Amino acid sequence: MLMEARLLDERREGEAVGIAKGKEIGLVEGEAIGLAKEKLATAKRMLAKGCYSLEVIAELTNLSFADVEKLKEEA
């Protein structure tokens, strides 16, 4: 009986650690996705203004030149 209780406690502890790690990973991935969306939105606004070259937009947003070109074609 004592062994079963110990195993149950260890299982619960393992699950709690797994859940905490999963949340941490999810937050990091969520931040990365949010940042990427923000960069794209900024680039789209810059393209709409028409005041910046594709090279400058790529430099300022840290997007690749190809990504900025693709955004321009989609607009």
Protein backbone atom coordinates (compact mmCIF):
# COMPACT_ATOMS: atom_id res chain seq x y z
CA MET A 1 0.00 0.00 0.00
CA LEU A 2 2.81 2.40 0.85
CA MET A 3 4.45 1.71 -2.51
CA GLU A 4 1.21 2.45 -4.37
CA ALA A 5 0.80 5.77 -2.58
CA ARG A 6 4.39 6.72 -3.36
CA LEU A 7 3.95 5.83 -7.03
CA LEU A 8 0.75 7.87 -7.18
CA ASP A 9 2.50 10.89 -5.63
CA GLU A 10 5.39 10.60 -8.09
CA ARG A 11 2.96 10.32 -10.99
CA ARG A 12 1.12 13.45 -9.89
CA GLU A 13 4.41 15.29 -9.47
CA GLY A 14 5.52 14.19 -12.94
CA GLU A 15 2.25 15.35 -14.46
CA ALA A 16 2.55 18.74 -12.75
CA VAL A 17 6.09 19.18 -14.08
CA GLY A 18 4.96 18.15 -17.57
CA ILE A 19 2.08 20.60 -17.53
CA ALA A 20 4.34 23.44 -16.35
CA LYS A 21 6.87 22.71 -19.09
CA GLY A 22 4.11 22.54 -21.69
CA LYS A 23 2.75 25.92 -20.64
CA GLU A 24 6.22 27.42 -20.79
CA ILE A 25 6.81 26.08 -24.29
CA GLY A 26 3.38 27.30 -25.38
CA LEU A 27 4.07 30.80 -24.12
CA VAL A 28 7.41 30.98 -25.92
CA GLU A 29 5.87 29.74 -29.16
CA GLY A 30 2.94 32.11 -28.76
CA GLU A 31 5.27 35.07 -28.32
CA ALA A 32 7.21 34.08 -31.45
CA ILE A 33 4.02 33.82 -33.49
CA GLY A 34 2.80 37.17 -32.15
CA LEU A 35 6.10 38.83 -33.00
CA ALA A 36 6.05 37.43 -36.53
CA LYS A 37 2.50 38.70 -37.04
CA GLU A 38 3.51 42.11 -35.70
CA LYS A 39 6.45 42.30 -38.14
CA LEU A 40 4.19 41.43 -41.06
CA ALA A 41 1.59 43.99 -40.01
CA THR A 42 4.27 46.67 -39.71
CA ALA A 43 5.65 45.81 -43.14
CA LYS A 44 2.15 45.96 -44.65
CA ARG A 45 1.59 49.42 -43.16
CA MET A 46 4.94 50.60 -44.49
CA LEU A 47 4.11 49.25 -47.96
CA ALA A 48 0.73 50.98 -47.87
CA LYS A 49 2.41 54.31 -47.10
CA GLY A 50 4.65 53.88 -50.11
CA CYS A 51 7.44 55.89 -48.48
CA TYR A 52 9.91 53.08 -48.03
CA SER A 53 11.87 50.85 -50.38
CA LEU A 54 11.54 47.10 -50.04
CA GLU A 55 15.13 46.96 -48.79
CA VAL A 56 14.43 49.47 -46.02
CA ILE A 57 11.24 47.68 -44.97
CA ALA A 58 13.12 44.39 -44.79
CA GLU A 59 15.87 45.99 -42.72
CA LEU A 60 13.56 47.78 -40.29
CA THR A 61 11.20 44.84 -39.73
CA ASN A 62 13.87 42.11 -39.76
CA LEU A 63 11.93 40.30 -42.46
CA SER A 64 13.64 38.82 -45.46
CA PHE A 65 13.58 40.76 -48.71
CA ALA A 66 11.65 37.85 -50.26
CA ASP A 67 8.98 38.09 -47.56
CA VAL A 68 8.56 41.82 -48.15
CA GLU A 69 8.33 41.26 -51.91
CA LYS A 70 5.67 38.62 -51.35
CA LEU A 71 3.67 41.01 -49.15
CA LYS A 72 3.85 43.66 -51.87
CA GLU A 73 2.57 41.21 -54.49
CA GLU A 74 -0.31 40.18 -52.24
CA ALA A 75 -1.38 43.78 -51.66
